[in-house]
Amino acid sequence: MIERFSEKLPAQYHYTRLQDATQERGESVEEFADRCKRFCEKIVRNVEDEATQRIINEEAERRLVVAYINGLGGLVGQQESFRMPHTLEEAAQVAVTVNNAERARAQGPKMVFSKKRDSSSQV
């Protein structure tokens, strides 16, 4: 039963998919992070030794962050590479912040105060 429902594709396939991943049109930075994380989960091997497993997980996290940053485009990707986050969580937080700032900037400035009425027209 395990053999029937286990992953049929080799880890190298998922590793290549992770390395080639780019944010798709209409895909949020969070969705892209989740997609990258799913690829990464399929390439991390499990071992008995706790110390070795920790090293494997740390290396996988580094590769995941690099792939995520390289897959982001525009200003978001540029800001990510400047900040050099250590974890996917940090990278996603930066990406969301920059993405929201870009969206707000694209909408233009908001009027905080209403325009002053011409006092001569009120008489």
Protein backbone atom coordinates (compact mmCIF):
# COMPACT_ATOMS: atom_id res chain seq x y z
CA MET A 1 0.00 0.00 0.00
CA ILE A 2 2.84 2.41 0.85
CA GLU A 3 4.51 1.66 -2.48
CA ARG A 4 1.24 2.26 -4.37
CA PHE A 5 0.63 5.73 -2.93
CA SER A 6 4.18 6.91 -2.44
CA GLU A 7 5.81 9.54 -4.63
CA LYS A 8 6.70 8.10 -8.03
CA LEU A 9 8.85 10.99 -9.26
CA PRO A 10 12.50 11.11 -8.16
CA ALA A 11 13.71 13.79 -5.76
CA GLN A 12 15.82 15.28 -8.57
CA TYR A 13 12.61 16.15 -10.45
CA HIS A 14 11.30 18.16 -7.50
CA TYR A 15 14.71 19.73 -6.91
CA THR A 16 14.77 20.94 -10.52
CA ARG A 17 11.20 22.24 -10.20
CA LEU A 18 12.22 24.17 -7.09
CA GLN A 19 15.28 25.68 -8.77
CA ASP A 20 13.26 26.70 -11.86
CA ALA A 21 10.23 28.01 -9.95
CA THR A 22 9.05 31.53 -10.77
CA GLN A 23 6.10 33.43 -9.45
CA GLU A 24 3.23 32.97 -11.88
CA ARG A 25 0.97 35.75 -13.13
CA GLY A 26 -1.75 36.35 -10.56
CA GLU A 27 0.01 34.24 -7.92
CA SER A 28 0.47 36.02 -4.59
CA VAL A 29 3.83 36.03 -2.86
CA GLU A 30 2.34 33.79 -0.15
CA GLU A 31 1.02 31.28 -2.69
CA PHE A 32 4.41 31.21 -4.38
CA ALA A 33 6.11 30.60 -1.02
CA ASP A 34 3.74 27.70 -0.33
CA ARG A 35 4.40 26.19 -3.76
CA CYS A 36 8.17 26.41 -3.22
CA LYS A 37 7.79 24.84 0.21
CA ARG A 38 5.87 21.89 -1.24
CA PHE A 39 8.69 21.25 -3.72
CA CYS A 40 11.25 21.46 -0.92
CA GLU A 41 9.37 19.02 1.30
CA LYS A 42 9.65 16.40 -1.44
CA ILE A 43 13.43 16.66 -1.72
CA VAL A 44 14.45 16.59 1.95
CA ARG A 45 15.53 13.12 2.95
CA ASN A 46 15.00 11.81 6.45
CA VAL A 47 17.76 10.15 8.45
CA GLU A 48 17.96 8.55 11.88
CA ASP A 49 20.68 10.77 13.34
CA GLU A 50 19.19 13.92 14.87
CA ALA A 51 22.24 16.12 14.28
CA THR A 52 22.51 15.05 10.65
CA GLN A 53 18.79 15.67 10.12
CA ARG A 54 19.15 19.18 11.53
CA ILE A 55 21.98 19.92 9.08
CA ILE A 56 19.96 18.52 6.17
CA ASN A 57 16.95 20.66 7.16
CA GLU A 58 19.08 23.82 7.48
CA GLU A 59 20.60 23.28 4.04
CA ALA A 60 17.15 22.64 2.56
CA GLU A 61 15.88 25.90 4.12
CA ARG A 62 18.81 27.82 2.58
CA ARG A 63 18.09 26.36 -0.85
CA LEU A 64 14.39 27.06 -0.44
CA VAL A 65 15.00 30.73 0.41
CA VAL A 66 17.38 31.18 -2.52
CA ALA A 67 14.93 29.57 -4.95
CA TYR A 68 12.07 31.71 -3.59
CA ILE A 69 14.03 34.96 -3.90
CA ASN A 70 15.23 34.09 -7.41
CA GLY A 71 11.67 33.28 -8.47
CA LEU A 72 10.24 36.63 -7.37
CA GLY A 73 10.19 39.35 -9.96
CA GLY A 74 10.35 43.11 -10.00
CA LEU A 75 10.88 45.29 -6.97
CA VAL A 76 9.82 42.54 -4.58
CA GLY A 77 12.59 40.23 -5.78
CA GLN A 78 15.09 43.08 -5.74
CA GLN A 79 14.25 44.06 -2.15
CA GLU A 80 14.45 40.40 -1.08
CA SER A 81 17.97 40.09 -2.45
CA PHE A 82 19.02 43.26 -0.59
CA ARG A 83 17.64 42.06 2.75
CA MET A 84 19.07 38.53 2.54
CA PRO A 85 16.52 36.74 4.77
CA HIS A 86 17.58 33.52 6.50
CA THR A 87 14.24 31.70 6.51
CA LEU A 88 11.27 31.37 4.18
CA GLU A 89 9.10 33.00 6.83
CA GLU A 90 11.33 36.10 6.89
CA ALA A 91 11.42 36.19 3.11
CA ALA A 92 7.63 35.93 2.85
CA GLN A 93 7.15 38.73 5.40
CA VAL A 94 9.46 41.03 3.44
CA ALA A 95 7.76 40.10 0.17
CA VAL A 96 4.28 40.79 1.55
CA THR A 97 5.40 44.15 2.99
CA VAL A 98 7.07 45.29 -0.24
CA ASN A 99 4.18 43.98 -2.34
CA ASN A 100 1.62 45.87 -0.23
CA ALA A 101 3.70 49.06 -0.40
CA GLU A 102 3.95 48.74 -4.19
CA ARG A 103 0.21 48.21 -4.48
CA ALA A 104 -0.51 51.27 -2.33
CA ARG A 105 1.94 53.37 -4.35
CA ALA A 106 0.33 52.27 -7.61
CA GLN A 107 -3.09 53.39 -6.38
CA GLY A 108 -1.80 56.91 -5.91
CA PRO A 109 -1.92 59.25 -2.94
CA LYS A 110 -5.06 59.42 -0.84
CA MET A 111 -6.61 62.73 0.07
CA VAL A 112 -6.42 63.15 3.83
CA PHE A 113 -8.08 66.54 3.94
CA SER A 114 -10.90 67.69 1.74
CA LYS A 115 -10.37 70.60 -0.58
CA LYS A 116 -11.15 73.99 0.90
CA ARG A 117 -14.32 75.53 -0.47
CA ASP A 118 -14.16 78.92 -2.01
CA SER A 119 -15.68 81.23 0.66
CA SER A 120 -16.87 83.79 -1.93
CA SER A 121 -19.27 81.26 -3.51
CA GLN A 122 -21.03 80.60 -0.20
CA VAL A 123 -22.34 84.17 0.11
